[in-house]
Amino acid sequence: LLSAFRAVTGIAAEPAFLAAHRWRYALPTVPLAEGFLWDA
């Protein structure tokens, strides 16, 4: 991802800090239509 960042930004400087974090469940790509679920 650093290589991709450099390709987009043109920033060639070496970062003093680099870390990657995985969000396993980040973004709803197929959300429901109900708005919520409830069983009274």
PDB file of all heavy atoms in Angstrom:
ATOM      1  N   LEU A   1       0.822  -1.207   0.000  1.00  0.00           N
ATOM      2  CA  LEU A   1       0.000   0.000   0.000  1.00  0.00           C
ATOM      3  C   LEU A   1       0.859   1.261   0.000  1.00  0.00           C
ATOM      4  O   LEU A   1       0.454   2.296  -0.536  1.00  0.00           O
ATOM      5  CB  LEU A   1      -0.951  -0.013   1.197  1.00  0.00           C
ATOM      6  CG  LEU A   1      -2.007  -1.126   1.175  1.00  0.00           C
ATOM      7  CD1 LEU A   1      -2.959  -0.970   2.361  1.00  0.00           C
ATOM      8  CD2 LEU A   1      -2.786  -1.124  -0.134  1.00  0.00           C
ATOM      9  N   LEU A   2       2.045   1.195   0.608  1.00  0.00           N
ATOM     10  CA  LEU A   2       2.961   2.339   0.537  1.00  0.00           C
ATOM     11  C   LEU A   2       3.341   2.620  -0.915  1.00  0.00           C
ATOM     12  O   LEU A   2       3.384   3.783  -1.346  1.00  0.00           O
ATOM     13  CB  LEU A   2       4.207   2.070   1.371  1.00  0.00           C
ATOM     14  CG  LEU A   2       5.326   3.123   1.262  1.00  0.00           C
ATOM     15  CD1 LEU A   2       4.842   4.496   1.712  1.00  0.00           C
ATOM     16  CD2 LEU A   2       6.548   2.682   2.075  1.00  0.00           C
ATOM     17  N   SER A   3       3.617   1.572  -1.681  1.00  0.00           N
ATOM     18  CA  SER A   3       3.949   1.752  -3.091  1.00  0.00           C
ATOM     19  C   SER A   3       2.794   2.408  -3.844  1.00  0.00           C
ATOM     20  O   SER A   3       3.000   3.313  -4.670  1.00  0.00           O
ATOM     21  CB  SER A   3       4.285   0.396  -3.717  1.00  0.00           C
ATOM     22  OG  SER A   3       4.566   0.522  -5.082  1.00  0.00           O
ATOM     23  N   ALA A   4       1.575   1.985  -3.540  1.00  0.00           N
ATOM     24  CA  ALA A   4       0.402   2.581  -4.180  1.00  0.00           C
ATOM     25  C   ALA A   4       0.223   4.038  -3.755  1.00  0.00           C
ATOM     26  O   ALA A   4      -0.141   4.892  -4.567  1.00  0.00           O
ATOM     27  CB  ALA A   4      -0.841   1.771  -3.836  1.00  0.00           C
ATOM     28  N   PHE A   5       0.479   4.321  -2.480  1.00  0.00           N
ATOM     29  CA  PHE A   5       0.394   5.692  -1.970  1.00  0.00           C
ATOM     30  C   PHE A   5       1.372   6.595  -2.732  1.00  0.00           C
ATOM     31  O   PHE A   5       1.037   7.714  -3.135  1.00  0.00           O
ATOM     32  CB  PHE A   5       0.700   5.688  -0.469  1.00  0.00           C
ATOM     33  CG  PHE A   5       0.831   7.040   0.165  1.00  0.00           C
ATOM     34  CD1 PHE A   5      -0.296   7.708   0.626  1.00  0.00           C
ATOM     35  CD2 PHE A   5       2.075   7.646   0.324  1.00  0.00           C
ATOM     36  CE1 PHE A   5      -0.178   8.960   1.225  1.00  0.00           C
ATOM     37  CE2 PHE A   5       2.203   8.882   0.917  1.00  0.00           C
ATOM     38  CZ  PHE A   5       1.075   9.552   1.371  1.00  0.00           C
ATOM     39  N   ARG A   6       2.583   6.108  -2.927  1.00  0.00           N
ATOM     40  CA  ARG A   6       3.586   6.898  -3.644  1.00  0.00           C
ATOM     41  C   ARG A   6       3.180   7.125  -5.096  1.00  0.00           C
ATOM     42  O   ARG A   6       3.400   8.211  -5.657  1.00  0.00           O
ATOM     43  CB  ARG A   6       4.935   6.185  -3.573  1.00  0.00           C
ATOM     44  CG  ARG A   6       5.593   6.291  -2.213  1.00  0.00           C
ATOM     45  CD  ARG A   6       6.834   5.430  -2.111  1.00  0.00           C
ATOM     46  NE  ARG A   6       7.624   5.781  -0.924  1.00  0.00           N
ATOM     47  CZ  ARG A   6       8.507   4.971  -0.363  1.00  0.00           C
ATOM     48  NH1 ARG A   6       8.728   3.761  -0.873  1.00  0.00           N
ATOM     49  NH2 ARG A   6       9.176   5.370   0.705  1.00  0.00           N
ATOM     50  N   ALA A   7       2.564   6.120  -5.707  1.00  0.00           N
ATOM     51  CA  ALA A   7       2.157   6.259  -7.097  1.00  0.00           C
ATOM     52  C   ALA A   7       1.086   7.337  -7.254  1.00  0.00           C
ATOM     53  O   ALA A   7       1.066   8.070  -8.254  1.00  0.00           O
ATOM     54  CB  ALA A   7       1.649   4.923  -7.626  1.00  0.00           C
ATOM     55  N   VAL A   8       0.215   7.447  -6.279  1.00  0.00           N
ATOM     56  CA  VAL A   8      -0.864   8.439  -6.358  1.00  0.00           C
ATOM     57  C   VAL A   8      -0.373   9.827  -5.991  1.00  0.00           C
ATOM     58  O   VAL A   8      -0.717  10.830  -6.629  1.00  0.00           O
ATOM     59  CB  VAL A   8      -2.045   8.029  -5.449  1.00  0.00           C
ATOM     60  CG1 VAL A   8      -3.103   9.134  -5.408  1.00  0.00           C
ATOM     61  CG2 VAL A   8      -2.667   6.733  -5.933  1.00  0.00           C
ATOM     62  N   THR A   9       0.440   9.924  -4.935  1.00  0.00           N
ATOM     63  CA  THR A   9       0.812  11.231  -4.381  1.00  0.00           C
ATOM     64  C   THR A   9       2.124  11.783  -4.914  1.00  0.00           C
ATOM     65  O   THR A   9       2.361  12.988  -4.837  1.00  0.00           O
ATOM     66  CB  THR A   9       0.931  11.148  -2.849  1.00  0.00           C
ATOM     67  OG1 THR A   9       2.015  10.258  -2.508  1.00  0.00           O
ATOM     68  CG2 THR A   9      -0.371  10.628  -2.226  1.00  0.00           C
ATOM     69  N   GLY A  10       3.000  10.917  -5.389  1.00  0.00           N
ATOM     70  CA  GLY A  10       4.325  11.368  -5.786  1.00  0.00           C
ATOM     71  C   GLY A  10       5.263  11.598  -4.619  1.00  0.00           C
ATOM     72  O   GLY A  10       6.390  12.072  -4.798  1.00  0.00           O
ATOM     73  N   ILE A  11       4.850  11.254  -3.411  1.00  0.00           N
ATOM     74  CA  ILE A  11       5.685  11.423  -2.221  1.00  0.00           C
ATOM     75  C   ILE A  11       6.679  10.265  -2.150  1.00  0.00           C
ATOM     76  O   ILE A  11       6.293   9.101  -1.980  1.00  0.00           O
ATOM     77  CB  ILE A  11       4.833  11.473  -0.945  1.00  0.00           C
ATOM     78  CG1 ILE A  11       3.938  12.711  -0.962  1.00  0.00           C
ATOM     79  CG2 ILE A  11       5.715  11.474   0.304  1.00  0.00           C
ATOM     80  CD1 ILE A  11       2.935  12.769   0.185  1.00  0.00           C
ATOM     81  N   ALA A  12       7.946  10.576  -2.266  1.00  0.00           N
ATOM     82  CA  ALA A  12       8.979   9.534  -2.264  1.00  0.00           C
ATOM     83  C   ALA A  12       9.685   9.413  -0.923  1.00  0.00           C
ATOM     84  O   ALA A  12      10.443   8.459  -0.711  1.00  0.00           O
ATOM     85  CB  ALA A  12      10.007   9.822  -3.359  1.00  0.00           C
ATOM     86  N   ALA A  13       9.462  10.352  -0.005  1.00  0.00           N
ATOM     87  CA  ALA A  13      10.151  10.341   1.286  1.00  0.00           C
ATOM     88  C   ALA A  13       9.826   9.067   2.060  1.00  0.00           C
ATOM     89  O   ALA A  13       8.720   8.516   1.963  1.00  0.00           O
ATOM     90  CB  ALA A  13       9.746  11.559   2.106  1.00  0.00           C
ATOM     91  N   GLU A  14      10.812   8.600   2.825  1.00  0.00           N
ATOM     92  CA  GLU A  14      10.595   7.432   3.665  1.00  0.00           C
ATOM     93  C   GLU A  14       9.794   7.816   4.902  1.00  0.00           C
ATOM     94  O   GLU A  14      10.153   8.774   5.597  1.00  0.00           O
ATOM     95  CB  GLU A  14      11.929   6.826   4.095  1.00  0.00           C
ATOM     96  CG  GLU A  14      12.634   6.032   3.013  1.00  0.00           C
ATOM     97  CD  GLU A  14      11.837   4.814   2.585  1.00  0.00           C
ATOM     98  OE1 GLU A  14      11.190   4.174   3.456  1.00  0.00           O
ATOM     99  OE2 GLU A  14      11.836   4.522   1.381  1.00  0.00           O
ATOM    100  N   PRO A  15       8.734   7.112   5.193  1.00  0.00           N
ATOM    101  CA  PRO A  15       7.971   7.431   6.408  1.00  0.00           C
ATOM    102  C   PRO A  15       8.740   7.036   7.667  1.00  0.00           C
ATOM    103  O   PRO A  15       9.432   6.008   7.687  1.00  0.00           O
ATOM    104  CB  PRO A  15       6.699   6.599   6.251  1.00  0.00           C
ATOM    105  CG  PRO A  15       7.090   5.464   5.370  1.00  0.00           C
ATOM    106  CD  PRO A  15       8.135   6.005   4.431  1.00  0.00           C
ATOM    107  N   ALA A  16       8.615   7.859   8.703  1.00  0.00           N
ATOM    108  CA  ALA A  16       9.206   7.512  10.000  1.00  0.00           C
ATOM    109  C   ALA A  16       8.338   6.503  10.741  1.00  0.00           C
ATOM    110  O   ALA A  16       8.807   5.806  11.636  1.00  0.00           O
ATOM    111  CB  ALA A  16       9.385   8.777  10.835  1.00  0.00           C
ATOM    112  N   PHE A  17       7.058   6.434  10.357  1.00  0.00           N
ATOM    113  CA  PHE A  17       6.140   5.474  10.969  1.00  0.00           C
ATOM    114  C   PHE A  17       5.283   4.880   9.861  1.00  0.00           C
ATOM    115  O   PHE A  17       4.772   5.600   8.991  1.00  0.00           O
ATOM    116  CB  PHE A  17       5.244   6.145  12.006  1.00  0.00           C
ATOM    117  CG  PHE A  17       4.195   5.225  12.579  1.00  0.00           C
ATOM    118  CD1 PHE A  17       4.494   4.349  13.607  1.00  0.00           C
ATOM    119  CD2 PHE A  17       2.898   5.219  12.052  1.00  0.00           C
ATOM    120  CE1 PHE A  17       3.536   3.478  14.107  1.00  0.00           C
ATOM    121  CE2 PHE A  17       1.930   4.359  12.547  1.00  0.00           C
ATOM    122  CZ  PHE A  17       2.254   3.491  13.586  1.00  0.00           C
ATOM    123  N   LEU A  18       5.127   3.557   9.906  1.00  0.00           N
ATOM    124  CA  LEU A  18       4.264   2.853   8.953  1.00  0.00           C
ATOM    125  C   LEU A  18       3.575   1.711   9.679  1.00  0.00           C
ATOM    126  O   LEU A  18       4.219   0.938  10.394  1.00  0.00           O
ATOM    127  CB  LEU A  18       5.078   2.315   7.779  1.00  0.00           C
ATOM    128  CG  LEU A  18       4.320   1.601   6.646  1.00  0.00           C
ATOM    129  CD1 LEU A  18       5.090   1.713   5.333  1.00  0.00           C
ATOM    130  CD2 LEU A  18       4.072   0.117   6.966  1.00  0.00           C
ATOM    131  N   ALA A  19       2.276   1.610   9.514  1.00  0.00           N
ATOM    132  CA  ALA A  19       1.517   0.489  10.079  1.00  0.00           C
ATOM    133  C   ALA A  19       0.302   0.240   9.207  1.00  0.00           C
ATOM    134  O   ALA A  19      -0.267   1.165   8.619  1.00  0.00           O
ATOM    135  CB  ALA A  19       1.093   0.770  11.518  1.00  0.00           C
ATOM    136  N   ALA A  20      -0.085  -1.018   9.127  1.00  0.00           N
ATOM    137  CA  ALA A  20      -1.311  -1.394   8.414  1.00  0.00           C
ATOM    138  C   ALA A  20      -2.264  -2.040   9.404  1.00  0.00           C
ATOM    139  O   ALA A  20      -1.844  -2.800  10.291  1.00  0.00           O
ATOM    140  CB  ALA A  20      -1.001  -2.345   7.259  1.00  0.00           C
ATOM    141  N   HIS A  21      -3.546  -1.734   9.249  1.00  0.00           N
ATOM    142  CA  HIS A  21      -4.572  -2.287  10.145  1.00  0.00           C
ATOM    143  C   HIS A  21      -5.688  -2.877   9.294  1.00  0.00           C
ATOM    144  O   HIS A  21      -6.163  -2.246   8.357  1.00  0.00           O
ATOM    145  CB  HIS A  21      -5.144  -1.195  11.051  1.00  0.00           C
ATOM    146  CG  HIS A  21      -6.230  -1.691  11.964  1.00  0.00           C
ATOM    147  ND1 HIS A  21      -5.975  -2.253  13.190  1.00  0.00           N
ATOM    148  CD2 HIS A  21      -7.581  -1.714  11.801  1.00  0.00           C
ATOM    149  CE1 HIS A  21      -7.118  -2.598  13.763  1.00  0.00           C
ATOM    150  NE2 HIS A  21      -8.107  -2.291  12.940  1.00  0.00           N
ATOM    151  N   ARG A  22      -6.101  -4.085   9.640  1.00  0.00           N
ATOM    152  CA  ARG A  22      -7.182  -4.753   8.912  1.00  0.00           C
ATOM    153  C   ARG A  22      -8.519  -4.562   9.633  1.00  0.00           C
ATOM    154  O   ARG A  22      -8.661  -4.937  10.798  1.00  0.00           O
ATOM    155  CB  ARG A  22      -6.887  -6.245   8.784  1.00  0.00           C
ATOM    156  CG  ARG A  22      -7.992  -7.029   8.069  1.00  0.00           C
ATOM    157  CD  ARG A  22      -7.657  -8.513   8.033  1.00  0.00           C
ATOM    158  NE  ARG A  22      -7.512  -9.054   9.377  1.00  0.00           N
ATOM    159  CZ  ARG A  22      -6.936 -10.231   9.651  1.00  0.00           C
ATOM    160  NH1 ARG A  22      -6.425 -10.951   8.668  1.00  0.00           N
ATOM    161  NH2 ARG A  22      -6.848 -10.656  10.896  1.00  0.00           N
ATOM    162  N   TRP A  23      -9.471  -3.985   8.917  1.00  0.00           N
ATOM    163  CA  TRP A  23     -10.858  -3.940   9.377  1.00  0.00           C
ATOM    164  C   TRP A  23     -11.596  -5.067   8.657  1.00  0.00           C
ATOM    165  O   TRP A  23     -11.868  -4.974   7.458  1.00  0.00           O
ATOM    166  CB  TRP A  23     -11.497  -2.597   9.056  1.00  0.00           C
ATOM    167  CG  TRP A  23     -10.865  -1.434   9.763  1.00  0.00           C
ATOM    168  CD1 TRP A  23      -9.937  -0.575   9.265  1.00  0.00           C
ATOM    169  CD2 TRP A  23     -11.128  -1.011  11.108  1.00  0.00           C
ATOM    170  NE1 TRP A  23      -9.603   0.370  10.211  1.00  0.00           N
ATOM    171  CE2 TRP A  23     -10.315   0.127  11.356  1.00  0.00           C
ATOM    172  CE3 TRP A  23     -11.967  -1.473  12.122  1.00  0.00           C
ATOM    173  CZ2 TRP A  23     -10.316   0.791  12.579  1.00  0.00           C
ATOM    174  CZ3 TRP A  23     -11.969  -0.805  13.343  1.00  0.00           C
ATOM    175  CH2 TRP A  23     -11.160   0.308  13.555  1.00  0.00           C
ATOM    176  N   ARG A  24     -11.892  -6.125   9.374  1.00  0.00           N
ATOM    177  CA  ARG A  24     -12.498  -7.293   8.727  1.00  0.00           C
ATOM    178  C   ARG A  24     -13.933  -6.987   8.289  1.00  0.00           C
ATOM    179  O   ARG A  24     -14.397  -7.483   7.251  1.00  0.00           O
ATOM    180  CB  ARG A  24     -12.480  -8.495   9.682  1.00  0.00           C
ATOM    181  CG  ARG A  24     -12.918  -9.793   9.040  1.00  0.00           C
ATOM    182  CD  ARG A  24     -12.742 -10.959   9.981  1.00  0.00           C
ATOM    183  NE  ARG A  24     -11.349 -11.327  10.178  1.00  0.00           N
ATOM    184  CZ  ARG A  24     -10.664 -12.134   9.368  1.00  0.00           C
ATOM    185  NH1 ARG A  24     -11.253 -12.658   8.301  1.00  0.00           N
ATOM    186  NH2 ARG A  24      -9.415 -12.429   9.626  1.00  0.00           N
ATOM    187  N   TYR A  25     -14.645  -6.172   9.068  1.00  0.00           N
ATOM    188  CA  TYR A  25     -16.025  -5.801   8.722  1.00  0.00           C
ATOM    189  C   TYR A  25     -16.093  -4.279   8.717  1.00  0.00           C
ATOM    190  O   TYR A  25     -16.429  -3.659   9.725  1.00  0.00           O
ATOM    191  CB  TYR A  25     -17.012  -6.400   9.727  1.00  0.00           C
ATOM    192  CG  TYR A  25     -16.832  -7.895   9.912  1.00  0.00           C
ATOM    193  CD1 TYR A  25     -16.384  -8.412  11.121  1.00  0.00           C
ATOM    194  CD2 TYR A  25     -17.097  -8.774   8.863  1.00  0.00           C
ATOM    195  CE1 TYR A  25     -16.211  -9.782  11.285  1.00  0.00           C
ATOM    196  CE2 TYR A  25     -16.922 -10.145   9.027  1.00  0.00           C
ATOM    197  CZ  TYR A  25     -16.481 -10.639  10.237  1.00  0.00           C
ATOM    198  OH  TYR A  25     -16.306 -11.986  10.401  1.00  0.00           O
ATOM    199  N   ALA A  26     -15.800  -3.687   7.588  1.00  0.00           N
ATOM    200  CA  ALA A  26     -15.642  -2.234   7.530  1.00  0.00           C
ATOM    201  C   ALA A  26     -16.826  -1.518   6.914  1.00  0.00           C
ATOM    202  O   ALA A  26     -17.272  -0.484   7.419  1.00  0.00           O
ATOM    203  CB  ALA A  26     -14.371  -1.888   6.741  1.00  0.00           C
ATOM    204  N   LEU A  27     -17.342  -2.057   5.820  1.00  0.00           N
ATOM    205  CA  LEU A  27     -18.278  -1.294   4.996  1.00  0.00           C
ATOM    206  C   LEU A  27     -19.418  -2.184   4.524  1.00  0.00           C
ATOM    207  O   LEU A  27     -19.175  -3.233   3.927  1.00  0.00           O
ATOM    208  CB  LEU A  27     -17.528  -0.740   3.774  1.00  0.00           C
ATOM    209  CG  LEU A  27     -18.330   0.094   2.791  1.00  0.00           C
ATOM    210  CD1 LEU A  27     -18.621   1.458   3.404  1.00  0.00           C
ATOM    211  CD2 LEU A  27     -17.553   0.262   1.479  1.00  0.00           C
ATOM    212  N   PRO A  28     -20.679  -1.783   4.789  1.00  0.00           N
ATOM    213  CA  PRO A  28     -21.795  -2.574   4.267  1.00  0.00           C
ATOM    214  C   PRO A  28     -21.964  -2.351   2.764  1.00  0.00           C
ATOM    215  O   PRO A  28     -22.328  -1.261   2.323  1.00  0.00           O
ATOM    216  CB  PRO A  28     -23.007  -2.048   5.054  1.00  0.00           C
ATOM    217  CG  PRO A  28     -22.632  -0.675   5.470  1.00  0.00           C
ATOM    218  CD  PRO A  28     -21.137  -0.659   5.626  1.00  0.00           C
ATOM    219  N   THR A  29     -21.657  -3.368   1.976  1.00  0.00           N
ATOM    220  CA  THR A  29     -21.804  -3.247   0.530  1.00  0.00           C
ATOM    221  C   THR A  29     -23.191  -3.675   0.061  1.00  0.00           C
ATOM    222  O   THR A  29     -23.634  -3.268  -1.019  1.00  0.00           O
ATOM    223  CB  THR A  29     -20.741  -4.089  -0.191  1.00  0.00           C
ATOM    224  OG1 THR A  29     -20.778  -5.431   0.303  1.00  0.00           O
ATOM    225  CG2 THR A  29     -19.349  -3.506   0.062  1.00  0.00           C
ATOM    226  N   VAL A  30     -23.873  -4.498   0.859  1.00  0.00           N
ATOM    227  CA  VAL A  30     -25.265  -4.869   0.578  1.00  0.00           C
ATOM    228  C   VAL A  30     -26.055  -4.690   1.872  1.00  0.00           C
ATOM    229  O   VAL A  30     -26.300  -5.650   2.613  1.00  0.00           O
ATOM    230  CB  VAL A  30     -25.384  -6.324   0.067  1.00  0.00           C
ATOM    231  CG1 VAL A  30     -26.843  -6.637  -0.301  1.00  0.00           C
ATOM    232  CG2 VAL A  30     -24.489  -6.555  -1.142  1.00  0.00           C
ATOM    233  N   PRO A  31     -26.444  -3.447   2.206  1.00  0.00           N
ATOM    234  CA  PRO A  31     -27.204  -3.228   3.441  1.00  0.00           C
ATOM    235  C   PRO A  31     -28.649  -3.688   3.294  1.00  0.00           C
ATOM    236  O   PRO A  31     -29.158  -3.854   2.175  1.00  0.00           O
ATOM    237  CB  PRO A  31     -27.115  -1.711   3.635  1.00  0.00           C
ATOM    238  CG  PRO A  31     -26.942  -1.161   2.255  1.00  0.00           C
ATOM    239  CD  PRO A  31     -26.153  -2.202   1.496  1.00  0.00           C
ATOM    240  N   LEU A  32     -29.304  -3.895   4.423  1.00  0.00           N
ATOM    241  CA  LEU A  32     -30.726  -4.230   4.417  1.00  0.00           C
ATOM    242  C   LEU A  32     -31.545  -2.967   4.161  1.00  0.00           C
ATOM    243  O   LEU A  32     -31.037  -1.848   4.236  1.00  0.00           O
ATOM    244  CB  LEU A  32     -31.120  -4.849   5.749  1.00  0.00           C
ATOM    245  CG  LEU A  32     -30.339  -6.079   6.211  1.00  0.00           C
ATOM    246  CD1 LEU A  32     -30.899  -6.589   7.544  1.00  0.00           C
ATOM    247  CD2 LEU A  32     -30.370  -7.181   5.165  1.00  0.00           C
ATOM    248  N   ALA A  33     -32.827  -3.172   3.890  1.00  0.00           N
ATOM    249  CA  ALA A  33     -33.707  -2.024   3.634  1.00  0.00           C
ATOM    250  C   ALA A  33     -34.516  -1.635   4.870  1.00  0.00           C
ATOM    251  O   ALA A  33     -35.101  -0.552   4.919  1.00  0.00           O
ATOM    252  CB  ALA A  33     -34.658  -2.350   2.481  1.00  0.00           C
ATOM    253  N   GLU A  34     -34.522  -2.502   5.895  1.00  0.00           N
ATOM    254  CA  GLU A  34     -35.431  -2.281   7.030  1.00  0.00           C
ATOM    255  C   GLU A  34     -35.031  -1.116   7.925  1.00  0.00           C
ATOM    256  O   GLU A  34     -35.861  -0.524   8.599  1.00  0.00           O
ATOM    257  CB  GLU A  34     -35.513  -3.554   7.884  1.00  0.00           C
ATOM    258  CG  GLU A  34     -36.232  -4.710   7.213  1.00  0.00           C
ATOM    259  CD  GLU A  34     -35.292  -5.635   6.467  1.00  0.00           C
ATOM    260  OE1 GLU A  34     -34.255  -5.155   5.967  1.00  0.00           O
ATOM    261  OE2 GLU A  34     -35.593  -6.823   6.378  1.00  0.00           O
ATOM    262  N   GLY A  35     -33.765  -0.822   8.021  1.00  0.00           N
ATOM    263  CA  GLY A  35     -33.297   0.219   8.937  1.00  0.00           C
ATOM    264  C   GLY A  35     -32.892  -0.334  10.288  1.00  0.00           C
ATOM    265  O   GLY A  35     -32.006   0.211  10.945  1.00  0.00           O
ATOM    266  N   PHE A  36     -33.515  -1.423  10.725  1.00  0.00           N
ATOM    267  CA  PHE A  36     -33.182  -2.126  11.969  1.00  0.00           C
ATOM    268  C   PHE A  36     -33.930  -3.443  11.950  1.00  0.00           C
ATOM    269  O   PHE A  36     -34.807  -3.670  11.102  1.00  0.00           O
ATOM    270  CB  PHE A  36     -33.568  -1.301  13.207  1.00  0.00           C
ATOM    271  CG  PHE A  36     -35.043  -1.001  13.296  1.00  0.00           C
ATOM    272  CD1 PHE A  36     -35.930  -1.888  13.897  1.00  0.00           C
ATOM    273  CD2 PHE A  36     -35.549   0.170  12.762  1.00  0.00           C
ATOM    274  CE1 PHE A  36     -37.292  -1.618  13.968  1.00  0.00           C
ATOM    275  CE2 PHE A  36     -36.909   0.455  12.823  1.00  0.00           C
ATOM    276  CZ  PHE A  36     -37.782  -0.435  13.422  1.00  0.00           C
ATOM    277  N   LEU A  37     -33.605  -4.333  12.887  1.00  0.00           N
ATOM    278  CA  LEU A  37     -34.332  -5.588  13.055  1.00  0.00           C
ATOM    279  C   LEU A  37     -34.883  -5.645  14.473  1.00  0.00           C
ATOM    280  O   LEU A  37     -34.189  -5.284  15.426  1.00  0.00           O
ATOM    281  CB  LEU A  37     -33.407  -6.781  12.804  1.00  0.00           C
ATOM    282  CG  LEU A  37     -32.793  -6.895  11.403  1.00  0.00           C
ATOM    283  CD1 LEU A  37     -31.833  -8.085  11.341  1.00  0.00           C
ATOM    284  CD2 LEU A  37     -33.868  -7.023  10.336  1.00  0.00           C
ATOM    285  N   TRP A  38     -36.116  -6.131  14.614  1.00  0.00           N
ATOM    286  CA  TRP A  38     -36.722  -6.194  15.946  1.00  0.00           C
ATOM    287  C   TRP A  38     -37.775  -7.287  15.991  1.00  0.00           C
ATOM    288  O   TRP A  38     -38.673  -7.351  15.144  1.00  0.00           O
ATOM    289  CB  TRP A  38     -37.365  -4.846  16.299  1.00  0.00           C
ATOM    290  CG  TRP A  38     -38.103  -4.820  17.609  1.00  0.00           C
ATOM    291  CD1 TRP A  38     -39.419  -4.564  17.819  1.00  0.00           C
ATOM    292  CD2 TRP A  38     -37.550  -5.047  18.922  1.00  0.00           C
ATOM    293  NE1 TRP A  38     -39.735  -4.619  19.154  1.00  0.00           N
ATOM    294  CE2 TRP A  38     -38.596  -4.905  19.859  1.00  0.00           C
ATOM    295  CE3 TRP A  38     -36.271  -5.336  19.385  1.00  0.00           C
ATOM    296  CZ2 TRP A  38     -38.401  -5.061  21.231  1.00  0.00           C
ATOM    297  CZ3 TRP A  38     -36.075  -5.503  20.755  1.00  0.00           C
ATOM    298  CH2 TRP A  38     -37.129  -5.352  21.648  1.00  0.00           C
ATOM    299  N   ASP A  39     -37.650  -8.174  16.973  1.00  0.00           N
ATOM    300  CA  ASP A  39     -38.645  -9.193  17.262  1.00  0.00           C
ATOM    301  C   ASP A  39     -39.254  -8.865  18.615  1.00  0.00           C
ATOM    302  O   ASP A  39     -38.621  -9.093  19.663  1.00  0.00           O
ATOM    303  CB  ASP A  39     -38.001 -10.587  17.266  1.00  0.00           C
ATOM    304  CG  ASP A  39     -39.018 -11.710  17.405  1.00  0.00           C
ATOM    305  OD1 ASP A  39     -39.941 -11.577  18.237  1.00  0.00           O
ATOM    306  OD2 ASP A  39     -38.885 -12.717  16.696  1.00  0.00           O
ATOM    307  N   ALA A  40     -40.441  -8.303  18.601  1.00  0.00           N
ATOM    308  CA  ALA A  40     -41.072  -7.838  19.842  1.00  0.00           C
ATOM    309  C   ALA A  40     -41.393  -8.992  20.786  1.00  0.00           C
ATOM    310  O   ALA A  40     -41.339  -8.830  22.012  1.00  0.00           O
ATOM    311  CB  ALA A  40     -42.342  -7.060  19.514  1.00  0.00           C
TER     312      ALA A  40
END
